[in-house]
């Protein structure tokens, strides 16, 4: 019977309804409710990588990194190009100070969805941490442009970081001691 209802689409419909309810709960900062709805969606449709990645993102936002990481890994086993899973893995690596791993995951997230400003933002931060501020500036300018176009509240953070990166570039350009101006 389960296969018949899945073929007809009832299971997929119910899973998508739980997904929508989870997103609504997340927007209201009700992480436990959002995660519970994602649990239900995954039970109904356990082969959808996006569901694991979304639940992982909710765990990440709720600062439960080990569960977030497990969900991102599961999502990537199902679909190695799952953008949100790569983004989440990148955030965790960045927070842990592993810039090479962070950059690898953000690059994969970028390849999967090149117009996501949050990925560009983090790529800029990684390059800034690596003191490659010329590249960091390019990524942050792109992120800021997309945040502004969407009137996203994160545009102010991007603008502040862009100024910080520009100051770092100016500092790098100054001659060192004993060099002529």
C-alpha atoms as a PDB file:
ATOM      1  CA  UNK A   1       0.000   0.000   0.000  1.00  0.00           C
ATOM      2  CA  UNK A   2       2.857   2.397   0.772  1.00  0.00           C
ATOM      3  CA  UNK A   3       4.179   2.116  -2.777  1.00  0.00           C
ATOM      4  CA  UNK A   4       0.784   2.818  -4.284  1.00  0.00           C
ATOM      5  CA  UNK A   5       0.256   5.963  -2.207  1.00  0.00           C
ATOM      6  CA  UNK A   6       3.794   7.091  -2.979  1.00  0.00           C
ATOM      7  CA  UNK A   7       3.234   6.579  -6.704  1.00  0.00           C
ATOM      8  CA  UNK A   8      -0.015   8.493  -6.574  1.00  0.00           C
ATOM      9  CA  UNK A   9       1.804  11.250  -4.748  1.00  0.00           C
ATOM     10  CA  UNK A  10       0.038  11.310  -1.384  1.00  0.00           C
ATOM     11  CA  UNK A  11       3.250  10.640   0.532  1.00  0.00           C
ATOM     12  CA  UNK A  12       5.121  13.308  -1.404  1.00  0.00           C
ATOM     13  CA  UNK A  13       2.283  15.777  -0.807  1.00  0.00           C
ATOM     14  CA  UNK A  14       2.238  15.069   2.935  1.00  0.00           C
ATOM     15  CA  UNK A  15       6.022  15.340   3.127  1.00  0.00           C
ATOM     16  CA  UNK A  16       5.947  18.676   1.304  1.00  0.00           C
ATOM     17  CA  UNK A  17       3.256  19.914   3.697  1.00  0.00           C
ATOM     18  CA  UNK A  18       5.495  19.082   6.661  1.00  0.00           C
ATOM     19  CA  UNK A  19       8.356  20.851   4.867  1.00  0.00           C
ATOM     20  CA  UNK A  20       6.242  23.996   4.449  1.00  0.00           C
ATOM     21  CA  UNK A  21       5.178  23.853   8.100  1.00  0.00           C
ATOM     22  CA  UNK A  22       8.829  23.468   9.106  1.00  0.00           C
ATOM     23  CA  UNK A  23       9.829  26.546   7.130  1.00  0.00           C
ATOM     24  CA  UNK A  24       7.029  28.521   8.727  1.00  0.00           C
ATOM     25  CA  UNK A  25       8.118  27.407  12.218  1.00  0.00           C
ATOM     26  CA  UNK A  26      11.736  28.302  11.388  1.00  0.00           C
ATOM     27  CA  UNK A  27      10.722  31.827  10.333  1.00  0.00           C
ATOM     28  CA  UNK A  28       9.128  32.177  13.775  1.00  0.00           C
ATOM     29  CA  UNK A  29      12.341  30.924  15.481  1.00  0.00           C
ATOM     30  CA  UNK A  30      10.574  27.774  16.684  1.00  0.00           C
ATOM     31  CA  UNK A  31      13.441  25.405  15.953  1.00  0.00           C
ATOM     32  CA  UNK A  32      12.042  22.385  17.835  1.00  0.00           C
ATOM     33  CA  UNK A  33       8.782  22.556  15.888  1.00  0.00           C
ATOM     34  CA  UNK A  34      10.633  23.070  12.614  1.00  0.00           C
ATOM     35  CA  UNK A  35      12.849  20.050  13.288  1.00  0.00           C
ATOM     36  CA  UNK A  36       9.859  17.904  14.263  1.00  0.00           C
ATOM     37  CA  UNK A  37       8.151  18.733  10.971  1.00  0.00           C
ATOM     38  CA  UNK A  38      11.347  17.899   9.082  1.00  0.00           C
ATOM     39  CA  UNK A  39      11.507  14.583  10.964  1.00  0.00           C
ATOM     40  CA  UNK A  40       7.985  13.843   9.725  1.00  0.00           C
ATOM     41  CA  UNK A  41       8.860  14.849   6.159  1.00  0.00           C
ATOM     42  CA  UNK A  42      11.927  12.590   6.218  1.00  0.00           C
ATOM     43  CA  UNK A  43       9.917   9.651   7.540  1.00  0.00           C
ATOM     44  CA  UNK A  44       7.487  10.091   4.660  1.00  0.00           C
ATOM     45  CA  UNK A  45      10.114  10.691   1.971  1.00  0.00           C
ATOM     46  CA  UNK A  46      13.549   9.530   3.196  1.00  0.00           C
ATOM     47  CA  UNK A  47      15.235   9.828  -0.209  1.00  0.00           C
ATOM     48  CA  UNK A  48      14.964  13.609  -0.566  1.00  0.00           C
ATOM     49  CA  UNK A  49      18.353  15.182   0.127  1.00  0.00           C
ATOM     50  CA  UNK A  50      16.833  18.645   0.521  1.00  0.00           C
ATOM     51  CA  UNK A  51      14.923  17.498   3.603  1.00  0.00           C
ATOM     52  CA  UNK A  52      18.074  16.316   5.378  1.00  0.00           C
ATOM     53  CA  UNK A  53      19.944  19.469   4.387  1.00  0.00           C
ATOM     54  CA  UNK A  54      17.105  21.661   5.642  1.00  0.00           C
ATOM     55  CA  UNK A  55      16.887  19.843   8.959  1.00  0.00           C
ATOM     56  CA  UNK A  56      20.665  20.100   9.218  1.00  0.00           C
ATOM     57  CA  UNK A  57      20.429  23.841   8.632  1.00  0.00           C
ATOM     58  CA  UNK A  58      17.839  24.114  11.409  1.00  0.00           C
ATOM     59  CA  UNK A  59      20.160  22.189  13.735  1.00  0.00           C
ATOM     60  CA  UNK A  60      23.017  24.486  12.744  1.00  0.00           C
ATOM     61  CA  UNK A  61      20.918  27.556  13.496  1.00  0.00           C
ATOM     62  CA  UNK A  62      20.009  25.978  16.847  1.00  0.00           C
ATOM     63  CA  UNK A  63      23.751  25.372  17.503  1.00  0.00           C
ATOM     64  CA  UNK A  64      23.519  21.567  17.497  1.00  0.00           C
ATOM     65  CA  UNK A  65      26.486  21.079  15.185  1.00  0.00           C
ATOM     66  CA  UNK A  66      26.918  17.310  15.490  1.00  0.00           C
ATOM     67  CA  UNK A  67      23.330  16.688  14.333  1.00  0.00           C
ATOM     68  CA  UNK A  68      23.667  19.330  11.627  1.00  0.00           C
ATOM     69  CA  UNK A  69      26.823  17.672  10.339  1.00  0.00           C
ATOM     70  CA  UNK A  70      25.178  14.229  10.290  1.00  0.00           C
ATOM     71  CA  UNK A  71      22.241  15.580   8.287  1.00  0.00           C
ATOM     72  CA  UNK A  72      24.494  17.413   5.833  1.00  0.00           C
ATOM     73  CA  UNK A  73      26.491  14.211   5.300  1.00  0.00           C
ATOM     74  CA  UNK A  74      23.296  12.204   4.713  1.00  0.00           C
ATOM     75  CA  UNK A  75      22.069  14.805   2.216  1.00  0.00           C
ATOM     76  CA  UNK A  76      25.378  14.668   0.335  1.00  0.00           C
ATOM     77  CA  UNK A  77      25.232  10.861   0.191  1.00  0.00           C
ATOM     78  CA  UNK A  78      21.854  11.148  -1.518  1.00  0.00           C
ATOM     79  CA  UNK A  79      22.818  14.088  -3.735  1.00  0.00           C
ATOM     80  CA  UNK A  80      26.466  15.127  -3.836  1.00  0.00           C
ATOM     81  CA  UNK A  81      25.423  18.482  -5.346  1.00  0.00           C
ATOM     82  CA  UNK A  82      22.989  19.495  -2.581  1.00  0.00           C
ATOM     83  CA  UNK A  83      23.673  23.213  -2.228  1.00  0.00           C
ATOM     84  CA  UNK A  84      22.393  23.709   1.316  1.00  0.00           C
ATOM     85  CA  UNK A  85      24.384  20.735   2.618  1.00  0.00           C
ATOM     86  CA  UNK A  86      27.611  22.119   1.141  1.00  0.00           C
ATOM     87  CA  UNK A  87      26.772  25.563   2.502  1.00  0.00           C
ATOM     88  CA  UNK A  88      26.143  24.142   5.975  1.00  0.00           C
ATOM     89  CA  UNK A  89      29.340  22.090   5.912  1.00  0.00           C
ATOM     90  CA  UNK A  90      31.175  25.231   4.835  1.00  0.00           C
ATOM     91  CA  UNK A  91      29.755  27.241   7.737  1.00  0.00           C
ATOM     92  CA  UNK A  92      30.786  24.555  10.225  1.00  0.00           C
ATOM     93  CA  UNK A  93      34.300  24.358   8.765  1.00  0.00           C
ATOM     94  CA  UNK A  94      34.566  28.157   8.828  1.00  0.00           C
ATOM     95  CA  UNK A  95      33.467  28.281  12.477  1.00  0.00           C
ATOM     96  CA  UNK A  96      36.016  25.572  13.280  1.00  0.00           C
ATOM     97  CA  UNK A  97      38.779  27.571  11.585  1.00  0.00           C
ATOM     98  CA  UNK A  98      39.292  25.101   8.728  1.00  0.00           C
ATOM     99  CA  UNK A  99      39.436  27.556   5.837  1.00  0.00           C
ATOM    100  CA  UNK A 100      40.481  25.034   3.186  1.00  0.00           C
ATOM    101  CA  UNK A 101      37.513  22.760   3.901  1.00  0.00           C
ATOM    102  CA  UNK A 102      35.196  25.752   4.182  1.00  0.00           C
ATOM    103  CA  UNK A 103      36.319  27.068   0.806  1.00  0.00           C
ATOM    104  CA  UNK A 104      35.877  23.644  -0.818  1.00  0.00           C
ATOM    105  CA  UNK A 105      32.271  23.379   0.431  1.00  0.00           C
ATOM    106  CA  UNK A 106      31.399  26.989  -0.378  1.00  0.00           C
ATOM    107  CA  UNK A 107      32.811  26.471  -3.866  1.00  0.00           C
ATOM    108  CA  UNK A 108      30.579  23.423  -4.341  1.00  0.00           C
ATOM    109  CA  UNK A 109      27.586  25.367  -2.985  1.00  0.00           C
ATOM    110  CA  UNK A 110      28.408  28.189  -5.409  1.00  0.00           C
ATOM    111  CA  UNK A 111      28.570  25.767  -8.343  1.00  0.00           C
ATOM    112  CA  UNK A 112      25.160  24.367  -7.397  1.00  0.00           C
ATOM    113  CA  UNK A 113      23.527  27.803  -6.947  1.00  0.00           C
ATOM    114  CA  UNK A 114      25.716  30.730  -8.068  1.00  0.00           C
ATOM    115  CA  UNK A 115      23.261  33.471  -7.128  1.00  0.00           C
ATOM    116  CA  UNK A 116      22.974  32.740  -3.403  1.00  0.00           C
ATOM    117  CA  UNK A 117      24.408  35.775  -1.616  1.00  0.00           C
ATOM    118  CA  UNK A 118      25.104  33.934   1.634  1.00  0.00           C
ATOM    119  CA  UNK A 119      27.548  31.636  -0.152  1.00  0.00           C
ATOM    120  CA  UNK A 120      29.323  34.594  -1.766  1.00  0.00           C
ATOM    121  CA  UNK A 121      29.432  36.336   1.623  1.00  0.00           C
ATOM    122  CA  UNK A 122      31.136  33.379   3.290  1.00  0.00           C
ATOM    123  CA  UNK A 123      33.538  32.897   0.389  1.00  0.00           C
ATOM    124  CA  UNK A 124      34.591  36.512   0.893  1.00  0.00           C
ATOM    125  CA  UNK A 125      35.107  35.904   4.606  1.00  0.00           C
ATOM    126  CA  UNK A 126      37.243  32.840   3.927  1.00  0.00           C
ATOM    127  CA  UNK A 127      39.456  34.761   1.496  1.00  0.00           C
ATOM    128  CA  UNK A 128      39.672  37.634   3.997  1.00  0.00           C
ATOM    129  CA  UNK A 129      40.790  35.231   6.734  1.00  0.00           C
ATOM    130  CA  UNK A 130      43.396  33.908   4.309  1.00  0.00           C
ATOM    131  CA  UNK A 131      44.531  37.514   3.709  1.00  0.00           C
ATOM    132  CA  UNK A 132      43.591  37.366   0.039  1.00  0.00           C
ATOM    133  CA  UNK A 133      41.646  40.599   0.299  1.00  0.00           C
ATOM    134  CA  UNK A 134      41.550  41.428  -3.415  1.00  0.00           C
ATOM    135  CA  UNK A 135      39.541  38.258  -4.049  1.00  0.00           C
ATOM    136  CA  UNK A 136      37.572  38.735  -0.822  1.00  0.00           C
ATOM    137  CA  UNK A 137      36.502  42.185  -2.020  1.00  0.00           C
ATOM    138  CA  UNK A 138      35.176  40.816  -5.311  1.00  0.00           C
ATOM    139  CA  UNK A 139      33.084  38.153  -3.561  1.00  0.00           C
ATOM    140  CA  UNK A 140      31.754  40.576  -0.941  1.00  0.00           C
ATOM    141  CA  UNK A 141      30.796  43.137  -3.595  1.00  0.00           C
ATOM    142  CA  UNK A 142      28.792  40.462  -5.390  1.00  0.00           C
ATOM    143  CA  UNK A 143      27.153  39.334  -2.141  1.00  0.00           C
ATOM    144  CA  UNK A 144      26.283  42.902  -1.190  1.00  0.00           C
ATOM    145  CA  UNK A 145      24.756  43.529  -4.610  1.00  0.00           C
ATOM    146  CA  UNK A 146      22.522  40.473  -4.295  1.00  0.00           C
ATOM    147  CA  UNK A 147      21.552  41.309  -0.709  1.00  0.00           C
ATOM    148  CA  UNK A 148      20.665  44.857  -1.805  1.00  0.00           C
ATOM    149  CA  UNK A 149      18.674  43.658  -4.819  1.00  0.00           C
ATOM    150  CA  UNK A 150      16.635  41.396  -2.538  1.00  0.00           C
ATOM    151  CA  UNK A 151      16.384  44.115   0.152  1.00  0.00           C
ATOM    152  CA  UNK A 152      17.785  41.517   2.538  1.00  0.00           C
ATOM    153  CA  UNK A 153      18.580  42.750   6.047  1.00  0.00           C
ATOM    154  CA  UNK A 154      21.995  41.038   5.826  1.00  0.00           C
ATOM    155  CA  UNK A 155      23.115  43.770   3.413  1.00  0.00           C
ATOM    156  CA  UNK A 156      24.294  45.886   6.352  1.00  0.00           C
ATOM    157  CA  UNK A 157      26.629  43.097   7.549  1.00  0.00           C
ATOM    158  CA  UNK A 158      27.970  42.685   4.022  1.00  0.00           C
ATOM    159  CA  UNK A 159      28.560  46.438   3.730  1.00  0.00           C
ATOM    160  CA  UNK A 160      30.452  46.498   7.047  1.00  0.00           C
ATOM    161  CA  UNK A 161      32.618  43.571   5.978  1.00  0.00           C
ATOM    162  CA  UNK A 162      33.280  45.188   2.615  1.00  0.00           C
ATOM    163  CA  UNK A 163      34.619  48.280   4.408  1.00  0.00           C
ATOM    164  CA  UNK A 164      36.769  46.065   6.645  1.00  0.00           C
ATOM    165  CA  UNK A 165      38.157  44.236   3.613  1.00  0.00           C
ATOM    166  CA  UNK A 166      38.864  47.540   1.832  1.00  0.00           C
ATOM    167  CA  UNK A 167      40.729  48.816   4.922  1.00  0.00           C
ATOM    168  CA  UNK A 168      42.767  45.610   4.942  1.00  0.00           C
ATOM    169  CA  UNK A 169      43.614  46.136   1.264  1.00  0.00           C
ATOM    170  CA  UNK A 170      44.777  49.691   1.990  1.00  0.00           C
ATOM    171  CA  UNK A 171      46.923  48.457   4.872  1.00  0.00           C
ATOM    172  CA  UNK A 172      48.474  45.784   2.643  1.00  0.00           C
ATOM    173  CA  UNK A 173      49.291  48.435   0.027  1.00  0.00           C
ATOM    174  CA  UNK A 174      51.167  50.679   2.481  1.00  0.00           C
ATOM    175  CA  UNK A 175      54.943  50.402   2.275  1.00  0.00           C
ATOM    176  CA  UNK A 176      56.688  48.697   5.152  1.00  0.00           C
ATOM    177  CA  UNK A 177      59.323  50.259   7.423  1.00  0.00           C
ATOM    178  CA  UNK A 178      62.303  51.694   5.555  1.00  0.00           C
ATOM    179  CA  UNK A 179      60.457  51.865   2.222  1.00  0.00           C
ATOM    180  CA  UNK A 180      59.776  55.123   0.420  1.00  0.00           C
ATOM    181  CA  UNK A 181      56.260  56.448   0.144  1.00  0.00           C
END
